[in-house]
């Protein structure tokens, strides 16, 4: 293993699962592909919409292109359920394209972690909705008062 463990580690509890989701949200909101990639195994496998990604180098390339296209990206994640080393997460994020059109993207993810807390598998289904700038809900990272909120935990 070439990365340090990423606590919390599986098997997850309700509290540690929420912490893991919040950590992922925080990392993605940095929009730093290199930093985000360190939460994944060296050989992590992704399906993101219709794109398939394998390994950290491809993750970095994918996220670099994503955040060039999806400008001023702001994300909110919430835990849907978990068991052992797996989680189901739903999310919304807002962004605009180069022409200034705003979007809210809705999605669901399935995550699987290794014993070191690194994500080895990510499956994401996402749909985009064009919105007006006045319809935006998110204007930056989650405020401290909202951290850990909005989770509908199901033990599946």
N, C-alpha and C. Protein backbone atom coordinates (compact mmCIF):
# COMPACT_ATOMS: atom_id res chain seq x y z
N UNK A 1 0.85 -1.18 0.00
CA UNK A 1 0.00 0.00 0.00
C UNK A 1 0.89 1.24 0.00
N UNK A 2 0.60 2.20 -0.87
CA UNK A 2 1.42 3.40 -0.98
C UNK A 2 0.76 4.61 -0.34
N UNK A 3 -0.40 4.43 0.29
CA UNK A 3 -1.09 5.53 0.93
C UNK A 3 -1.30 5.22 2.40
N UNK A 4 -1.33 6.27 3.19
CA UNK A 4 -1.64 6.11 4.60
C UNK A 4 -3.10 5.71 4.76
N UNK A 5 -3.43 4.99 5.82
CA UNK A 5 -4.84 4.68 6.07
C UNK A 5 -5.67 5.95 6.12
N UNK A 6 -6.95 5.83 5.72
CA UNK A 6 -7.87 6.97 5.68
C UNK A 6 -9.03 6.71 6.62
N UNK A 7 -8.83 6.96 7.93
CA UNK A 7 -9.93 6.75 8.85
C UNK A 7 -11.08 7.69 8.56
N UNK A 8 -12.27 7.32 8.99
CA UNK A 8 -12.58 6.09 9.72
C UNK A 8 -12.51 4.86 8.81
N UNK A 9 -12.24 3.72 9.47
CA UNK A 9 -12.04 2.47 8.77
C UNK A 9 -13.28 1.58 8.91
N UNK A 10 -13.53 0.72 7.92
CA UNK A 10 -14.62 -0.23 8.05
C UNK A 10 -14.24 -1.32 9.06
N UNK A 11 -15.25 -1.98 9.64
CA UNK A 11 -16.68 -1.80 9.38
C UNK A 11 -17.18 -0.51 10.02
N UNK A 12 -18.10 0.15 9.33
CA UNK A 12 -18.58 1.46 9.75
C UNK A 12 -19.72 1.35 10.75
N UNK A 13 -19.81 2.35 11.60
CA UNK A 13 -20.95 2.56 12.50
C UNK A 13 -21.74 3.73 11.93
N UNK A 14 -22.93 4.02 12.44
CA UNK A 14 -23.63 5.21 11.94
C UNK A 14 -22.78 6.48 12.03
N UNK A 15 -22.07 6.63 13.12
CA UNK A 15 -21.26 7.84 13.32
C UNK A 15 -20.07 7.89 12.36
N UNK A 16 -19.37 6.76 12.22
CA UNK A 16 -18.19 6.78 11.35
C UNK A 16 -18.57 6.83 9.88
N UNK A 17 -19.71 6.27 9.52
CA UNK A 17 -20.17 6.36 8.12
C UNK A 17 -20.46 7.82 7.77
N UNK A 18 -21.12 8.54 8.66
CA UNK A 18 -21.39 9.96 8.42
C UNK A 18 -20.09 10.74 8.33
N UNK A 19 -19.12 10.42 9.18
CA UNK A 19 -17.81 11.08 9.11
C UNK A 19 -17.14 10.84 7.76
N UNK A 20 -17.24 9.62 7.25
CA UNK A 20 -16.61 9.28 5.98
C UNK A 20 -17.25 10.06 4.84
N UNK A 21 -18.57 10.16 4.86
CA UNK A 21 -19.28 10.91 3.82
C UNK A 21 -18.90 12.39 3.88
N UNK A 22 -18.84 12.95 5.10
CA UNK A 22 -18.47 14.36 5.24
C UNK A 22 -17.04 14.60 4.75
N UNK A 23 -16.14 13.67 5.05
CA UNK A 23 -14.75 13.80 4.58
C UNK A 23 -14.69 13.79 3.05
N UNK A 24 -15.50 12.93 2.42
CA UNK A 24 -15.53 12.90 0.96
C UNK A 24 -16.07 14.21 0.40
N UNK A 25 -17.15 14.72 1.00
CA UNK A 25 -17.69 16.00 0.55
C UNK A 25 -16.65 17.11 0.67
N UNK A 26 -15.98 17.15 1.82
CA UNK A 26 -14.97 18.18 2.04
C UNK A 26 -13.85 18.09 1.00
N UNK A 27 -13.39 16.88 0.73
CA UNK A 27 -12.30 16.70 -0.24
C UNK A 27 -12.73 17.14 -1.63
N UNK A 28 -13.90 16.68 -2.09
CA UNK A 28 -14.36 17.04 -3.44
C UNK A 28 -14.59 18.55 -3.55
N UNK A 29 -15.00 19.20 -2.50
CA UNK A 29 -15.21 20.65 -2.56
C UNK A 29 -13.91 21.44 -2.66
N UNK A 30 -12.77 20.81 -2.43
CA UNK A 30 -11.49 21.50 -2.67
C UNK A 30 -11.23 21.66 -4.16
N UNK A 31 -11.85 20.79 -4.98
CA UNK A 31 -11.61 20.75 -6.42
C UNK A 31 -10.13 20.53 -6.75
N UNK A 32 -9.46 19.78 -5.89
CA UNK A 32 -8.04 19.45 -6.07
C UNK A 32 -7.94 17.97 -6.43
N UNK A 33 -7.79 17.65 -7.72
CA UNK A 33 -7.79 16.25 -8.16
C UNK A 33 -6.74 15.39 -7.46
N UNK A 34 -5.55 15.91 -7.25
CA UNK A 34 -4.49 15.14 -6.59
C UNK A 34 -4.89 14.79 -5.16
N UNK A 35 -5.39 15.77 -4.43
CA UNK A 35 -5.81 15.53 -3.04
C UNK A 35 -6.96 14.53 -2.98
N UNK A 36 -7.95 14.70 -3.85
CA UNK A 36 -9.10 13.80 -3.86
C UNK A 36 -8.66 12.37 -4.17
N UNK A 37 -7.73 12.21 -5.11
CA UNK A 37 -7.32 10.87 -5.54
C UNK A 37 -6.71 10.05 -4.41
N UNK A 38 -6.17 10.70 -3.40
CA UNK A 38 -5.51 9.98 -2.30
C UNK A 38 -6.49 9.21 -1.41
N UNK A 39 -7.78 9.45 -1.56
CA UNK A 39 -8.80 8.72 -0.79
C UNK A 39 -9.15 7.39 -1.46
N UNK A 40 -8.56 7.11 -2.62
CA UNK A 40 -8.89 5.93 -3.41
C UNK A 40 -7.68 5.01 -3.50
N UNK A 41 -7.94 3.71 -3.65
CA UNK A 41 -6.84 2.77 -3.81
C UNK A 41 -6.12 3.04 -5.13
N UNK A 42 -4.88 2.58 -5.22
CA UNK A 42 -4.09 2.76 -6.44
C UNK A 42 -4.80 2.21 -7.67
N UNK A 43 -5.59 1.14 -7.48
CA UNK A 43 -6.28 0.49 -8.59
C UNK A 43 -7.80 0.68 -8.51
N UNK A 44 -8.23 1.72 -7.85
CA UNK A 44 -9.68 1.99 -7.69
C UNK A 44 -10.38 1.97 -9.04
N UNK A 45 -11.60 1.42 -9.04
CA UNK A 45 -12.41 1.35 -10.26
C UNK A 45 -13.65 2.21 -10.08
N UNK A 46 -13.93 3.03 -11.08
CA UNK A 46 -15.09 3.91 -11.06
C UNK A 46 -15.95 3.68 -12.29
N UNK A 47 -17.24 3.89 -12.08
CA UNK A 47 -18.15 4.18 -13.18
C UNK A 47 -18.77 5.51 -12.80
N UNK A 48 -18.59 6.51 -13.62
CA UNK A 48 -19.16 7.84 -13.40
C UNK A 48 -19.98 8.17 -14.65
N UNK A 49 -21.31 8.12 -14.50
CA UNK A 49 -22.19 8.24 -15.66
C UNK A 49 -21.83 7.13 -16.65
N UNK A 50 -21.36 7.51 -17.84
CA UNK A 50 -21.00 6.53 -18.85
C UNK A 50 -19.49 6.41 -19.04
N UNK A 51 -18.74 6.90 -18.06
CA UNK A 51 -17.29 6.88 -18.12
C UNK A 51 -16.75 5.88 -17.11
N UNK A 52 -15.77 5.08 -17.54
CA UNK A 52 -15.15 4.09 -16.67
C UNK A 52 -13.70 4.51 -16.44
N UNK A 53 -13.30 4.53 -15.17
CA UNK A 53 -11.99 5.03 -14.76
C UNK A 53 -11.34 3.96 -13.89
N UNK A 54 -10.05 3.73 -14.09
CA UNK A 54 -9.31 2.78 -13.26
C UNK A 54 -8.00 3.41 -12.81
N UNK A 55 -7.78 3.47 -11.51
CA UNK A 55 -6.52 3.92 -10.94
C UNK A 55 -6.45 5.41 -10.71
N UNK A 56 -5.52 5.77 -9.86
CA UNK A 56 -5.39 7.18 -9.44
C UNK A 56 -5.04 8.12 -10.57
N UNK A 57 -4.16 7.72 -11.48
CA UNK A 57 -3.79 8.61 -12.59
C UNK A 57 -5.02 8.96 -13.41
N UNK A 58 -5.86 7.97 -13.70
CA UNK A 58 -7.09 8.24 -14.46
C UNK A 58 -8.07 9.06 -13.63
N UNK A 59 -8.11 8.84 -12.32
CA UNK A 59 -8.98 9.65 -11.45
C UNK A 59 -8.57 11.12 -11.53
N UNK A 60 -7.27 11.37 -11.43
CA UNK A 60 -6.77 12.76 -11.50
C UNK A 60 -7.13 13.37 -12.85
N UNK A 61 -6.92 12.65 -13.93
CA UNK A 61 -7.24 13.18 -15.26
C UNK A 61 -8.74 13.44 -15.40
N UNK A 62 -9.54 12.51 -14.92
CA UNK A 62 -10.99 12.66 -14.99
C UNK A 62 -11.45 13.89 -14.20
N UNK A 63 -10.98 14.02 -12.96
CA UNK A 63 -11.41 15.15 -12.12
C UNK A 63 -10.89 16.49 -12.65
N UNK A 64 -9.68 16.49 -13.21
CA UNK A 64 -9.14 17.72 -13.80
C UNK A 64 -10.06 18.21 -14.91
N UNK A 65 -10.44 17.31 -15.80
CA UNK A 65 -11.34 17.68 -16.91
C UNK A 65 -12.72 18.06 -16.39
N UNK A 66 -13.21 17.34 -15.40
CA UNK A 66 -14.53 17.61 -14.82
C UNK A 66 -14.59 19.04 -14.28
N UNK A 67 -13.61 19.41 -13.48
CA UNK A 67 -13.67 20.72 -12.84
C UNK A 67 -13.25 21.86 -13.77
N UNK A 68 -12.69 21.57 -14.91
CA UNK A 68 -12.52 22.59 -15.94
C UNK A 68 -13.86 22.86 -16.62
N UNK A 69 -14.63 21.81 -16.80
CA UNK A 69 -15.94 21.90 -17.45
C UNK A 69 -17.01 22.38 -16.47
N UNK A 70 -17.01 21.85 -15.25
CA UNK A 70 -18.01 22.17 -14.24
C UNK A 70 -17.43 23.23 -13.31
N UNK A 71 -17.58 24.49 -13.69
CA UNK A 71 -16.95 25.60 -12.98
C UNK A 71 -17.73 25.98 -11.72
N UNK A 72 -17.00 26.46 -10.71
CA UNK A 72 -17.57 26.87 -9.42
C UNK A 72 -18.40 25.76 -8.78
N UNK A 73 -17.94 24.54 -8.94
CA UNK A 73 -18.56 23.32 -8.41
C UNK A 73 -18.68 23.39 -6.89
N UNK A 74 -19.89 23.10 -6.37
CA UNK A 74 -20.13 23.01 -4.93
C UNK A 74 -21.01 21.78 -4.69
N UNK A 75 -20.60 20.93 -3.76
CA UNK A 75 -21.20 19.61 -3.55
C UNK A 75 -21.78 19.45 -2.15
N UNK A 76 -22.90 18.71 -2.07
CA UNK A 76 -23.46 18.23 -0.81
C UNK A 76 -23.71 16.74 -0.95
N UNK A 77 -23.22 15.94 -0.01
CA UNK A 77 -23.44 14.50 0.02
C UNK A 77 -24.24 14.14 1.26
N UNK A 78 -25.02 13.07 1.18
CA UNK A 78 -25.69 12.55 2.37
C UNK A 78 -25.68 11.02 2.32
N UNK A 79 -25.50 10.44 3.48
CA UNK A 79 -25.47 9.00 3.62
C UNK A 79 -26.87 8.45 3.49
N UNK A 80 -27.03 7.45 2.65
CA UNK A 80 -28.32 6.79 2.45
C UNK A 80 -28.37 5.51 3.27
N UNK A 81 -27.28 4.77 3.28
CA UNK A 81 -27.21 3.53 4.05
C UNK A 81 -25.81 2.95 3.99
N UNK A 82 -25.58 1.94 4.83
CA UNK A 82 -24.26 1.32 4.86
C UNK A 82 -24.35 -0.07 5.48
N UNK A 83 -23.33 -0.87 5.18
CA UNK A 83 -23.16 -2.17 5.81
C UNK A 83 -21.71 -2.57 5.64
N UNK A 84 -21.06 -2.89 6.73
CA UNK A 84 -19.67 -3.34 6.67
C UNK A 84 -18.76 -2.32 6.04
N UNK A 85 -18.27 -2.64 4.83
CA UNK A 85 -17.34 -1.74 4.14
C UNK A 85 -17.98 -1.07 2.92
N UNK A 86 -19.31 -1.07 2.87
CA UNK A 86 -20.02 -0.48 1.72
C UNK A 86 -20.98 0.61 2.18
N UNK A 87 -21.17 1.59 1.28
CA UNK A 87 -22.11 2.69 1.56
C UNK A 87 -22.89 3.04 0.31
N UNK A 88 -24.08 3.55 0.53
CA UNK A 88 -24.88 4.17 -0.51
C UNK A 88 -25.02 5.64 -0.12
N UNK A 89 -24.72 6.50 -1.07
CA UNK A 89 -24.69 7.94 -0.83
C UNK A 89 -25.49 8.63 -1.92
N UNK A 90 -26.22 9.68 -1.54
CA UNK A 90 -26.85 10.52 -2.57
C UNK A 90 -26.23 11.90 -2.46
N UNK A 91 -26.33 12.62 -3.54
CA UNK A 91 -25.67 13.93 -3.56
C UNK A 91 -26.36 14.88 -4.52
N UNK A 92 -26.06 16.15 -4.33
CA UNK A 92 -26.42 17.21 -5.26
C UNK A 92 -25.20 18.12 -5.36
N UNK A 93 -24.96 18.61 -6.56
CA UNK A 93 -23.93 19.64 -6.69
C UNK A 93 -24.38 20.64 -7.73
N UNK A 94 -23.86 21.84 -7.59
CA UNK A 94 -24.18 22.92 -8.52
C UNK A 94 -22.90 23.39 -9.18
N UNK A 95 -23.05 23.85 -10.40
CA UNK A 95 -21.92 24.30 -11.20
C UNK A 95 -22.45 25.06 -12.40
N UNK A 96 -21.55 25.75 -13.09
CA UNK A 96 -21.95 26.40 -14.35
C UNK A 96 -20.94 26.06 -15.42
N UNK A 97 -21.41 26.12 -16.66
CA UNK A 97 -20.53 25.85 -17.80
C UNK A 97 -19.84 27.15 -18.22
N UNK A 98 -19.02 27.06 -19.26
CA UNK A 98 -18.25 28.21 -19.73
C UNK A 98 -19.15 29.34 -20.23
N UNK A 99 -20.37 29.01 -20.66
CA UNK A 99 -21.31 30.03 -21.15
C UNK A 99 -22.08 30.69 -20.00
N UNK A 100 -21.90 30.19 -18.76
CA UNK A 100 -22.57 30.79 -17.62
C UNK A 100 -23.88 30.12 -17.23
N UNK A 101 -24.27 29.05 -17.91
CA UNK A 101 -25.50 28.32 -17.56
C UNK A 101 -25.25 27.49 -16.30
N UNK A 102 -26.12 27.68 -15.30
CA UNK A 102 -26.01 26.94 -14.04
C UNK A 102 -26.77 25.62 -14.15
N UNK A 103 -26.27 24.63 -13.42
CA UNK A 103 -26.88 23.31 -13.34
C UNK A 103 -26.87 22.83 -11.90
N UNK A 104 -27.87 22.01 -11.57
CA UNK A 104 -27.84 21.23 -10.34
C UNK A 104 -27.82 19.78 -10.79
N UNK A 105 -26.83 19.06 -10.33
CA UNK A 105 -26.68 17.65 -10.69
C UNK A 105 -27.09 16.81 -9.49
N UNK A 106 -27.94 15.82 -9.75
CA UNK A 106 -28.44 14.92 -8.72
C UNK A 106 -27.86 13.54 -8.97
N UNK A 107 -27.47 12.84 -7.90
CA UNK A 107 -26.93 11.52 -8.13
C UNK A 107 -26.92 10.62 -6.92
N UNK A 108 -26.58 9.37 -7.21
CA UNK A 108 -26.42 8.32 -6.22
C UNK A 108 -25.09 7.64 -6.48
N UNK A 109 -24.44 7.25 -5.39
CA UNK A 109 -23.17 6.55 -5.50
C UNK A 109 -23.22 5.29 -4.63
N UNK A 110 -22.54 4.27 -5.09
CA UNK A 110 -22.26 3.08 -4.30
C UNK A 110 -20.76 3.03 -4.09
N UNK A 111 -20.36 2.89 -2.83
CA UNK A 111 -18.95 2.90 -2.47
C UNK A 111 -18.56 1.59 -1.82
N UNK A 112 -17.33 1.14 -2.08
CA UNK A 112 -16.75 -0.02 -1.39
C UNK A 112 -15.34 0.35 -0.97
N UNK A 113 -15.01 0.07 0.30
CA UNK A 113 -13.72 0.45 0.88
C UNK A 113 -12.87 -0.78 1.17
N UNK A 114 -11.56 -0.58 1.14
CA UNK A 114 -10.67 -1.64 1.60
C UNK A 114 -10.48 -1.51 3.11
N UNK A 115 -9.67 -2.38 3.68
CA UNK A 115 -9.49 -2.40 5.15
C UNK A 115 -8.75 -1.17 5.66
N UNK A 116 -8.12 -0.39 4.78
CA UNK A 116 -7.38 0.81 5.17
C UNK A 116 -8.23 2.08 5.03
N UNK A 117 -9.51 1.90 4.69
CA UNK A 117 -10.41 3.05 4.54
C UNK A 117 -10.30 3.75 3.21
N UNK A 118 -9.58 3.15 2.25
CA UNK A 118 -9.48 3.71 0.90
C UNK A 118 -10.60 3.14 0.04
N UNK A 119 -11.18 3.98 -0.79
CA UNK A 119 -12.28 3.52 -1.64
C UNK A 119 -11.70 2.76 -2.83
N UNK A 120 -12.15 1.52 -2.99
CA UNK A 120 -11.65 0.72 -4.11
C UNK A 120 -12.65 0.64 -5.25
N UNK A 121 -13.89 1.02 -4.97
CA UNK A 121 -14.90 0.98 -6.03
C UNK A 121 -15.90 2.11 -5.81
N UNK A 122 -16.27 2.77 -6.92
CA UNK A 122 -17.25 3.86 -6.89
C UNK A 122 -18.12 3.75 -8.14
N UNK A 123 -19.42 3.66 -7.93
CA UNK A 123 -20.39 3.61 -9.02
C UNK A 123 -21.29 4.83 -8.86
N UNK A 124 -21.33 5.71 -9.86
CA UNK A 124 -22.11 6.95 -9.75
C UNK A 124 -23.07 7.09 -10.93
N UNK A 125 -24.32 7.35 -10.59
CA UNK A 125 -25.35 7.68 -11.58
C UNK A 125 -25.77 9.11 -11.33
N UNK A 126 -25.77 9.94 -12.38
CA UNK A 126 -25.94 11.39 -12.20
C UNK A 126 -26.82 11.94 -13.32
N UNK A 127 -27.71 12.87 -12.94
CA UNK A 127 -28.55 13.59 -13.90
C UNK A 127 -28.39 15.09 -13.64
N UNK A 128 -28.41 15.87 -14.72
CA UNK A 128 -28.23 17.32 -14.62
C UNK A 128 -29.54 18.04 -14.92
N UNK A 129 -29.79 19.11 -14.17
CA UNK A 129 -30.96 19.96 -14.37
C UNK A 129 -30.47 21.39 -14.55
N UNK A 130 -30.80 22.00 -15.67
CA UNK A 130 -30.44 23.41 -15.88
C UNK A 130 -31.26 24.26 -14.91
N UNK A 131 -30.60 25.19 -14.23
CA UNK A 131 -31.27 26.09 -13.29
C UNK A 131 -30.82 27.52 -13.57
N UNK A 132 -31.62 28.46 -13.09
CA UNK A 132 -31.21 29.86 -13.15
C UNK A 132 -30.29 30.16 -11.98
N UNK A 133 -29.47 31.17 -12.14
CA UNK A 133 -28.54 31.52 -11.06
C UNK A 133 -29.28 31.81 -9.76
N UNK A 134 -30.49 32.39 -9.86
CA UNK A 134 -31.29 32.68 -8.67
C UNK A 134 -31.85 31.45 -7.98
N UNK A 135 -31.78 30.29 -8.62
CA UNK A 135 -32.26 29.04 -8.02
C UNK A 135 -31.17 28.28 -7.27
N UNK A 136 -29.98 28.81 -7.24
CA UNK A 136 -28.88 28.13 -6.56
C UNK A 136 -29.18 27.95 -5.08
N UNK A 137 -28.72 26.83 -4.53
CA UNK A 137 -28.86 26.53 -3.11
C UNK A 137 -27.53 26.56 -2.37
N UNK A 138 -26.44 26.34 -3.08
CA UNK A 138 -25.14 26.14 -2.44
C UNK A 138 -24.16 27.20 -2.94
N UNK A 139 -23.49 27.84 -1.99
CA UNK A 139 -22.59 28.94 -2.35
C UNK A 139 -21.19 28.75 -1.79
N UNK A 140 -20.88 27.56 -1.35
CA UNK A 140 -19.57 27.24 -0.82
C UNK A 140 -19.67 25.97 0.00
N UNK A 141 -18.56 25.59 0.62
CA UNK A 141 -18.59 24.39 1.45
C UNK A 141 -19.67 24.48 2.53
N UNK A 142 -20.08 23.32 3.01
CA UNK A 142 -21.13 23.21 4.03
C UNK A 142 -20.70 23.99 5.28
N UNK A 143 -21.57 24.85 5.80
CA UNK A 143 -21.24 25.56 7.04
C UNK A 143 -21.07 24.59 8.21
N UNK A 144 -20.26 24.95 9.15
CA UNK A 144 -20.00 24.09 10.31
C UNK A 144 -21.29 23.65 10.99
N UNK A 145 -22.29 24.54 11.05
CA UNK A 145 -23.56 24.22 11.72
C UNK A 145 -24.36 23.12 11.02
N UNK A 146 -24.03 22.84 9.75
CA UNK A 146 -24.75 21.82 8.98
C UNK A 146 -23.96 20.54 8.79
N UNK A 147 -22.74 20.48 9.29
CA UNK A 147 -21.91 19.28 9.09
C UNK A 147 -22.56 18.08 9.76
N UNK A 148 -22.62 16.98 9.02
CA UNK A 148 -23.21 15.75 9.55
C UNK A 148 -24.72 15.73 9.46
N UNK A 149 -25.34 16.75 8.87
CA UNK A 149 -26.80 16.83 8.77
C UNK A 149 -27.27 16.24 7.44
N UNK A 150 -28.54 15.89 7.39
CA UNK A 150 -29.15 15.47 6.13
C UNK A 150 -28.91 14.03 5.76
N UNK A 151 -28.65 13.18 6.73
CA UNK A 151 -28.38 11.78 6.43
C UNK A 151 -29.59 10.93 6.78
N UNK A 152 -29.99 10.07 5.85
CA UNK A 152 -31.10 9.14 6.04
C UNK A 152 -30.52 7.74 6.07
N UNK A 153 -30.07 7.33 7.22
CA UNK A 153 -29.35 6.07 7.33
C UNK A 153 -30.30 4.88 7.29
N UNK A 154 -29.97 3.96 6.42
CA UNK A 154 -30.65 2.67 6.35
C UNK A 154 -29.60 1.59 6.44
N UNK A 155 -29.82 0.61 7.24
CA UNK A 155 -28.90 -0.52 7.32
C UNK A 155 -29.40 -1.56 6.33
N UNK A 156 -28.79 -1.61 5.16
CA UNK A 156 -29.27 -2.53 4.12
C UNK A 156 -28.40 -3.75 4.01
